[in-house]
Amino acid sequence: MPTREKDLLREAAQGNTGAFGEIVRKYRYLVYAAALQIVRDPAAAEDAAQETFIAAFGALKNLRSADAFPGWLRKIARNKALAMRREQARHAPLEEAGDLRADPDPDSVEYSDERKERDAFGEEVRKILSALSDTLRFPVLLCYLDDVPTAEAARFLGIKEGTVRKRLHDGKKKLQERIARMAEKTLQEYRLPRDFEKRCICGCRRARAAVTAKGRR
């Protein structure tokens, strides 16, 4: 661990919130991704991440070694996220029973349609990401949320940097393949029917016949 970070942790353990703020800035997306991996909801993951740092700040004095901080912080994040997920499960029936989530009133139908398309695409991407194994999904979340360096991700996960790079490569490849298949499936819906030409010809014939019949009157 860099000396600067060890100094920040020592100062933060003594109650220096400014020093801890720098720690938060460095690890915020690592913690957020760890929470998101479990709760699968951005808002809940953000809350879990905030609770993680608050808990970590209060418990820093009990940290035996600064070198153990990344793994220690990840464990706290995991525990907070698991607690958040249990809370979500407990309140899920209540939310489903009533309309508790009111959508904003759009200014126009066009805005509403665009938003629906964007939300639908985002949901499909989330499904594809969720379909990845935990081994591949976690590094992808860690490194692509805010360009977290692979070295930092490796320290946080407690594995070699080369392993992180390999998992990122494999995860990215699978994402690309599945997104490509999703796009292909979506575009299939826009294809014209096979009998389109026949329909056009039939329509032309009917139109000409109608004009001819009208002219004979």
C-alpha atoms as a PDB file:
ATOM      1  CA  MET A   1       0.000   0.000   0.000  1.00  0.00           C
ATOM      2  CA  PRO A   2       1.340   3.493  -0.862  1.00  0.00           C
ATOM      3  CA  THR A   3       2.778   5.442   2.079  1.00  0.00           C
ATOM      4  CA  ARG A   4       0.416   8.337   1.387  1.00  0.00           C
ATOM      5  CA  GLU A   5      -2.608   6.094   1.829  1.00  0.00           C
ATOM      6  CA  LYS A   6      -1.229   4.637   5.046  1.00  0.00           C
ATOM      7  CA  ASP A   7      -0.758   8.170   6.378  1.00  0.00           C
ATOM      8  CA  LEU A   8      -4.326   9.056   5.441  1.00  0.00           C
ATOM      9  CA  LEU A   9      -5.662   5.974   7.197  1.00  0.00           C
ATOM     10  CA  ARG A  10      -3.660   6.749  10.323  1.00  0.00           C
ATOM     11  CA  GLU A  11      -4.950  10.333  10.377  1.00  0.00           C
ATOM     12  CA  ALA A  12      -8.506   9.181   9.699  1.00  0.00           C
ATOM     13  CA  ALA A  13      -8.280   6.693  12.584  1.00  0.00           C
ATOM     14  CA  GLN A  14      -7.457   9.661  14.786  1.00  0.00           C
ATOM     15  CA  GLY A  15     -10.648  11.398  13.691  1.00  0.00           C
ATOM     16  CA  ASN A  16      -9.422  13.459  10.728  1.00  0.00           C
ATOM     17  CA  THR A  17     -12.460  13.587   8.420  1.00  0.00           C
ATOM     18  CA  GLY A  18     -10.509  15.435   5.725  1.00  0.00           C
ATOM     19  CA  ALA A  19      -8.059  12.549   5.439  1.00  0.00           C
ATOM     20  CA  PHE A  20     -10.930  10.083   5.370  1.00  0.00           C
ATOM     21  CA  GLY A  21     -12.560  12.119   2.607  1.00  0.00           C
ATOM     22  CA  GLU A  22      -9.585  11.309   0.376  1.00  0.00           C
ATOM     23  CA  ILE A  23     -10.008   7.630   1.220  1.00  0.00           C
ATOM     24  CA  VAL A  24     -13.680   7.856   0.292  1.00  0.00           C
ATOM     25  CA  ARG A  25     -12.838   9.463  -3.060  1.00  0.00           C
ATOM     26  CA  LYS A  26     -10.392   6.701  -3.862  1.00  0.00           C
ATOM     27  CA  TYR A  27     -12.592   3.769  -2.859  1.00  0.00           C
ATOM     28  CA  ARG A  28     -16.092   5.102  -3.535  1.00  0.00           C
ATOM     29  CA  TYR A  29     -16.673   3.233  -6.786  1.00  0.00           C
ATOM     30  CA  LEU A  30     -15.010   0.086  -5.524  1.00  0.00           C
ATOM     31  CA  VAL A  31     -17.402   0.039  -2.571  1.00  0.00           C
ATOM     32  CA  TYR A  32     -20.370   1.069  -4.695  1.00  0.00           C
ATOM     33  CA  ALA A  33     -19.687  -1.758  -7.162  1.00  0.00           C
ATOM     34  CA  ALA A  34     -19.345  -4.256  -4.323  1.00  0.00           C
ATOM     35  CA  ALA A  35     -22.760  -3.197  -3.034  1.00  0.00           C
ATOM     36  CA  LEU A  36     -24.319  -3.123  -6.490  1.00  0.00           C
ATOM     37  CA  GLN A  37     -23.118  -6.670  -7.058  1.00  0.00           C
ATOM     38  CA  ILE A  38     -25.419  -7.743  -4.225  1.00  0.00           C
ATOM     39  CA  VAL A  39     -28.425  -5.395  -4.164  1.00  0.00           C
ATOM     40  CA  ARG A  40     -28.679  -4.927  -7.981  1.00  0.00           C
ATOM     41  CA  ASP A  41     -30.228  -1.481  -7.494  1.00  0.00           C
ATOM     42  CA  PRO A  42     -28.222   1.751  -7.967  1.00  0.00           C
ATOM     43  CA  ALA A  43     -30.066   3.753  -5.302  1.00  0.00           C
ATOM     44  CA  ALA A  44     -29.805   0.969  -2.723  1.00  0.00           C
ATOM     45  CA  ALA A  45     -26.147   0.405  -3.622  1.00  0.00           C
ATOM     46  CA  GLU A  46     -25.448   4.105  -3.087  1.00  0.00           C
ATOM     47  CA  ASP A  47     -27.068   3.951   0.361  1.00  0.00           C
ATOM     48  CA  ALA A  48     -25.120   0.816   1.238  1.00  0.00           C
ATOM     49  CA  ALA A  49     -21.864   2.444   0.113  1.00  0.00           C
ATOM     50  CA  GLN A  50     -22.533   5.483   2.278  1.00  0.00           C
ATOM     51  CA  GLU A  51     -23.300   3.295   5.272  1.00  0.00           C
ATOM     52  CA  THR A  52     -20.112   1.345   4.583  1.00  0.00           C
ATOM     53  CA  PHE A  53     -17.889   4.410   4.800  1.00  0.00           C
ATOM     54  CA  ILE A  54     -19.656   5.700   7.886  1.00  0.00           C
ATOM     55  CA  ALA A  55     -19.159   2.344   9.605  1.00  0.00           C
ATOM     56  CA  ALA A  56     -15.557   2.121   8.412  1.00  0.00           C
ATOM     57  CA  PHE A  57     -14.696   5.572   9.752  1.00  0.00           C
ATOM     58  CA  GLY A  58     -16.018   4.636  13.176  1.00  0.00           C
ATOM     59  CA  ALA A  59     -14.143   1.330  13.229  1.00  0.00           C
ATOM     60  CA  LEU A  60     -10.802   2.420  11.725  1.00  0.00           C
ATOM     61  CA  LYS A  61      -9.162   2.443  15.143  1.00  0.00           C
ATOM     62  CA  ASN A  62      -9.721  -1.318  15.270  1.00  0.00           C
ATOM     63  CA  LEU A  63      -7.961  -1.965  11.944  1.00  0.00           C
ATOM     64  CA  ARG A  64      -4.782  -3.890  12.721  1.00  0.00           C
ATOM     65  CA  SER A  65      -2.888  -3.158   9.503  1.00  0.00           C
ATOM     66  CA  ALA A  66      -3.286  -0.536   6.797  1.00  0.00           C
ATOM     67  CA  ASP A  67      -2.402  -3.183   4.209  1.00  0.00           C
ATOM     68  CA  ALA A  68      -5.550  -5.080   5.216  1.00  0.00           C
ATOM     69  CA  PHE A  69      -7.775  -2.054   4.603  1.00  0.00           C
ATOM     70  CA  PRO A  70      -9.069  -2.917   1.069  1.00  0.00           C
ATOM     71  CA  GLY A  71     -10.263  -6.391   2.054  1.00  0.00           C
ATOM     72  CA  TRP A  72     -11.584  -5.100   5.375  1.00  0.00           C
ATOM     73  CA  LEU A  73     -13.556  -2.366   3.614  1.00  0.00           C
ATOM     74  CA  ARG A  74     -14.919  -4.856   1.059  1.00  0.00           C
ATOM     75  CA  LYS A  75     -16.173  -7.071   3.896  1.00  0.00           C
ATOM     76  CA  ILE A  76     -18.003  -4.151   5.475  1.00  0.00           C
ATOM     77  CA  ALA A  77     -19.530  -3.242   2.118  1.00  0.00           C
ATOM     78  CA  ARG A  78     -20.694  -6.806   1.605  1.00  0.00           C
ATOM     79  CA  ASN A  79     -22.315  -6.954   5.048  1.00  0.00           C
ATOM     80  CA  LYS A  80     -24.082  -3.622   4.527  1.00  0.00           C
ATOM     81  CA  ALA A  81     -25.326  -4.679   1.100  1.00  0.00           C
ATOM     82  CA  LEU A  82     -26.602  -8.015   2.391  1.00  0.00           C
ATOM     83  CA  ALA A  83     -28.482  -6.211   5.142  1.00  0.00           C
ATOM     84  CA  MET A  84     -29.890  -3.834   2.526  1.00  0.00           C
ATOM     85  CA  ARG A  85     -31.017  -6.758   0.369  1.00  0.00           C
ATOM     86  CA  ARG A  86     -32.790  -8.371   3.326  1.00  0.00           C
ATOM     87  CA  GLU A  87     -34.532  -5.060   3.926  1.00  0.00           C
ATOM     88  CA  GLN A  88     -35.561  -4.905   0.265  1.00  0.00           C
ATOM     89  CA  ALA A  89     -37.029  -8.394   0.439  1.00  0.00           C
ATOM     90  CA  ARG A  90     -39.022  -7.514   3.541  1.00  0.00           C
ATOM     91  CA  HIS A  91     -40.588  -4.439   1.924  1.00  0.00           C
ATOM     92  CA  ALA A  92     -41.092  -5.889  -1.565  1.00  0.00           C
ATOM     93  CA  PRO A  93     -44.656  -7.207  -0.959  1.00  0.00           C
ATOM     94  CA  LEU A  94     -45.733  -3.795   0.349  1.00  0.00           C
ATOM     95  CA  GLU A  95     -44.393  -1.996  -2.698  1.00  0.00           C
ATOM     96  CA  GLU A  96     -46.053  -4.469  -5.018  1.00  0.00           C
ATOM     97  CA  ALA A  97     -49.390  -4.036  -3.235  1.00  0.00           C
ATOM     98  CA  GLY A  98     -49.632  -0.321  -3.941  1.00  0.00           C
ATOM     99  CA  ASP A  99     -48.457   2.238  -6.431  1.00  0.00           C
ATOM    100  CA  LEU A 100     -45.653   3.670  -4.328  1.00  0.00           C
ATOM    101  CA  ARG A 101     -43.392   4.676  -7.195  1.00  0.00           C
ATOM    102  CA  ALA A 102     -44.992   7.508  -9.116  1.00  0.00           C
ATOM    103  CA  ASP A 103     -43.442   8.261 -12.469  1.00  0.00           C
ATOM    104  CA  PRO A 104     -42.793  11.918 -13.288  1.00  0.00           C
ATOM    105  CA  ASP A 105     -45.360  13.513 -15.560  1.00  0.00           C
ATOM    106  CA  PRO A 106     -43.568  14.007 -18.918  1.00  0.00           C
ATOM    107  CA  ASP A 107     -44.007  17.263 -20.792  1.00  0.00           C
ATOM    108  CA  SER A 108     -44.722  15.478 -24.024  1.00  0.00           C
ATOM    109  CA  VAL A 109     -45.536  12.099 -25.521  1.00  0.00           C
ATOM    110  CA  GLU A 110     -42.228  12.233 -27.403  1.00  0.00           C
ATOM    111  CA  TYR A 111     -40.272  12.626 -24.182  1.00  0.00           C
ATOM    112  CA  SER A 112     -42.217   9.753 -22.643  1.00  0.00           C
ATOM    113  CA  ASP A 113     -41.499   7.456 -25.598  1.00  0.00           C
ATOM    114  CA  GLU A 114     -37.791   8.289 -25.581  1.00  0.00           C
ATOM    115  CA  ARG A 115     -37.600   7.650 -21.877  1.00  0.00           C
ATOM    116  CA  LYS A 116     -39.394   4.324 -22.210  1.00  0.00           C
ATOM    117  CA  GLU A 117     -36.984   3.233 -24.939  1.00  0.00           C
ATOM    118  CA  ARG A 118     -33.977   4.321 -22.886  1.00  0.00           C
ATOM    119  CA  ASP A 119     -35.276   2.563 -19.778  1.00  0.00           C
ATOM    120  CA  ALA A 120     -36.064  -0.587 -21.754  1.00  0.00           C
ATOM    121  CA  PHE A 121     -32.576  -0.667 -23.256  1.00  0.00           C
ATOM    122  CA  GLY A 122     -31.004  -0.032 -19.859  1.00  0.00           C
ATOM    123  CA  GLU A 123     -33.028  -2.856 -18.358  1.00  0.00           C
ATOM    124  CA  GLU A 124     -31.896  -5.244 -21.082  1.00  0.00           C
ATOM    125  CA  VAL A 125     -28.255  -4.299 -20.509  1.00  0.00           C
ATOM    126  CA  ARG A 126     -28.692  -4.858 -16.755  1.00  0.00           C
ATOM    127  CA  LYS A 127     -30.149  -8.297 -17.466  1.00  0.00           C
ATOM    128  CA  ILE A 128     -27.200  -9.134 -19.680  1.00  0.00           C
ATOM    129  CA  LEU A 129     -24.766  -7.926 -17.019  1.00  0.00           C
ATOM    130  CA  SER A 130     -26.587  -9.930 -14.355  1.00  0.00           C
ATOM    131  CA  ALA A 131     -26.319 -13.018 -16.542  1.00  0.00           C
ATOM    132  CA  LEU A 132     -22.535 -12.945 -16.225  1.00  0.00           C
ATOM    133  CA  SER A 133     -21.000 -15.122 -13.557  1.00  0.00           C
ATOM    134  CA  ASP A 134     -20.016 -13.376 -10.321  1.00  0.00           C
ATOM    135  CA  THR A 135     -16.370 -13.984 -11.210  1.00  0.00           C
ATOM    136  CA  LEU A 136     -16.682 -11.921 -14.403  1.00  0.00           C
ATOM    137  CA  ARG A 137     -19.365  -9.430 -13.396  1.00  0.00           C
ATOM    138  CA  PHE A 138     -17.580  -8.053 -10.338  1.00  0.00           C
ATOM    139  CA  PRO A 139     -14.383  -6.923 -12.141  1.00  0.00           C
ATOM    140  CA  VAL A 140     -16.518  -5.394 -14.907  1.00  0.00           C
ATOM    141  CA  LEU A 141     -18.483  -3.395 -12.345  1.00  0.00           C
ATOM    142  CA  LEU A 142     -15.338  -2.343 -10.514  1.00  0.00           C
ATOM    143  CA  CYS A 143     -13.344  -1.177 -13.508  1.00  0.00           C
ATOM    144  CA  TYR A 144     -15.978   0.264 -15.829  1.00  0.00           C
ATOM    145  CA  LEU A 145     -18.044   2.321 -13.395  1.00  0.00           C
ATOM    146  CA  ASP A 146     -15.441   5.051 -13.076  1.00  0.00           C
ATOM    147  CA  ASP A 147     -12.312   3.740 -14.815  1.00  0.00           C
ATOM    148  CA  VAL A 148     -10.992   2.181 -11.622  1.00  0.00           C
ATOM    149  CA  PRO A 149      -7.394   1.014 -12.307  1.00  0.00           C
ATOM    150  CA  THR A 150      -6.982  -2.734 -12.509  1.00  0.00           C
ATOM    151  CA  ALA A 151      -4.278  -2.561  -9.843  1.00  0.00           C
ATOM    152  CA  GLU A 152      -6.728  -0.980  -7.385  1.00  0.00           C
ATOM    153  CA  ALA A 153      -9.423  -3.491  -8.284  1.00  0.00           C
ATOM    154  CA  ALA A 154      -6.950  -6.324  -7.724  1.00  0.00           C
ATOM    155  CA  ARG A 155      -6.029  -5.010  -4.281  1.00  0.00           C
ATOM    156  CA  PHE A 156      -9.676  -4.598  -3.367  1.00  0.00           C
ATOM    157  CA  LEU A 157     -10.536  -8.121  -4.519  1.00  0.00           C
ATOM    158  CA  GLY A 158      -7.401  -9.652  -3.068  1.00  0.00           C
ATOM    159  CA  ILE A 159      -6.284 -11.224  -6.363  1.00  0.00           C
ATOM    160  CA  LYS A 160      -3.503 -10.656  -8.901  1.00  0.00           C
ATOM    161  CA  GLU A 161      -3.791  -7.793 -11.387  1.00  0.00           C
ATOM    162  CA  GLY A 162      -3.262 -10.220 -14.264  1.00  0.00           C
ATOM    163  CA  THR A 163      -6.299 -12.185 -13.066  1.00  0.00           C
ATOM    164  CA  VAL A 164      -8.397  -9.012 -13.053  1.00  0.00           C
ATOM    165  CA  ARG A 165      -7.291  -8.185 -16.596  1.00  0.00           C
ATOM    166  CA  LYS A 166      -8.170 -11.695 -17.780  1.00  0.00           C
ATOM    167  CA  ARG A 167     -11.602 -11.563 -16.189  1.00  0.00           C
ATOM    168  CA  LEU A 168     -12.230  -8.114 -17.645  1.00  0.00           C
ATOM    169  CA  HIS A 169     -11.332  -9.387 -21.106  1.00  0.00           C
ATOM    170  CA  ASP A 170     -13.606 -12.413 -20.784  1.00  0.00           C
ATOM    171  CA  GLY A 171     -16.445 -10.370 -19.277  1.00  0.00           C
ATOM    172  CA  LYS A 172     -16.231  -7.696 -21.954  1.00  0.00           C
ATOM    173  CA  LYS A 173     -16.255 -10.314 -24.698  1.00  0.00           C
ATOM    174  CA  LYS A 174     -19.371 -11.980 -23.299  1.00  0.00           C
ATOM    175  CA  LEU A 175     -21.094  -8.615 -22.876  1.00  0.00           C
ATOM    176  CA  GLN A 176     -20.356  -7.669 -26.470  1.00  0.00           C
ATOM    177  CA  GLU A 177     -21.655 -10.999 -27.759  1.00  0.00           C
ATOM    178  CA  ARG A 178     -24.876 -10.798 -25.766  1.00  0.00           C
ATOM    179  CA  ILE A 179     -25.526  -7.142 -26.555  1.00  0.00           C
ATOM    180  CA  ALA A 180     -24.957  -7.920 -30.227  1.00  0.00           C
ATOM    181  CA  ARG A 181     -27.498 -10.744 -30.019  1.00  0.00           C
ATOM    182  CA  MET A 182     -29.934  -8.407 -28.252  1.00  0.00           C
ATOM    183  CA  ALA A 183     -29.515  -5.813 -31.003  1.00  0.00           C
ATOM    184  CA  GLU A 184     -29.998  -8.461 -33.682  1.00  0.00           C
ATOM    185  CA  LYS A 185     -33.160  -9.699 -31.992  1.00  0.00           C
ATOM    186  CA  THR A 186     -34.490  -6.147 -31.679  1.00  0.00           C
ATOM    187  CA  LEU A 187     -33.754  -5.344 -35.312  1.00  0.00           C
ATOM    188  CA  GLN A 188     -35.627  -8.463 -36.390  1.00  0.00           C
ATOM    189  CA  GLU A 189     -38.774  -6.741 -35.150  1.00  0.00           C
ATOM    190  CA  TYR A 190     -38.243  -3.976 -37.712  1.00  0.00           C
ATOM    191  CA  ARG A 191     -37.896  -6.303 -40.680  1.00  0.00           C
ATOM    192  CA  LEU A 192     -40.598  -6.164 -43.279  1.00  0.00           C
ATOM    193  CA  PRO A 193     -42.802  -9.252 -43.651  1.00  0.00           C
ATOM    194  CA  ARG A 194     -41.786 -11.741 -46.312  1.00  0.00           C
ATOM    195  CA  ASP A 195     -44.940 -11.097 -48.337  1.00  0.00           C
ATOM    196  CA  PHE A 196     -44.422  -7.310 -48.305  1.00  0.00           C
ATOM    197  CA  GLU A 197     -43.775  -7.156 -52.052  1.00  0.00           C
ATOM    198  CA  LYS A 198     -46.835  -9.290 -52.751  1.00  0.00           C
ATOM    199  CA  ARG A 199     -48.959  -7.033 -50.575  1.00  0.00           C
ATOM    200  CA  CYS A 200     -47.723  -3.966 -52.451  1.00  0.00           C
ATOM    201  CA  ILE A 201     -48.486  -5.521 -55.847  1.00  0.00           C
ATOM    202  CA  CYS A 202     -51.938  -6.566 -54.685  1.00  0.00           C
ATOM    203  CA  GLY A 203     -52.551  -3.079 -53.377  1.00  0.00           C
ATOM    204  CA  CYS A 204     -51.483  -1.560 -56.673  1.00  0.00           C
ATOM    205  CA  ARG A 205     -53.781  -3.881 -58.590  1.00  0.00           C
ATOM    206  CA  ARG A 206     -56.725  -3.055 -56.347  1.00  0.00           C
ATOM    207  CA  ALA A 207     -56.043   0.666 -56.700  1.00  0.00           C
ATOM    208  CA  ARG A 208     -55.835   0.412 -60.513  1.00  0.00           C
ATOM    209  CA  ALA A 209     -58.988  -1.668 -60.631  1.00  0.00           C
ATOM    210  CA  ALA A 210     -60.786   0.916 -58.536  1.00  0.00           C
ATOM    211  CA  VAL A 211     -59.656   3.729 -60.842  1.00  0.00           C
ATOM    212  CA  THR A 212     -60.747   1.714 -63.909  1.00  0.00           C
ATOM    213  CA  ALA A 213     -64.131   0.930 -62.425  1.00  0.00           C
ATOM    214  CA  LYS A 214     -64.638   4.591 -61.525  1.00  0.00           C
ATOM    215  CA  GLY A 215     -63.779   5.651 -65.071  1.00  0.00           C
ATOM    216  CA  ARG A 216     -66.428   3.367 -66.550  1.00  0.00           C
ATOM    217  CA  ARG A 217     -69.184   4.952 -64.556  1.00  0.00           C
END
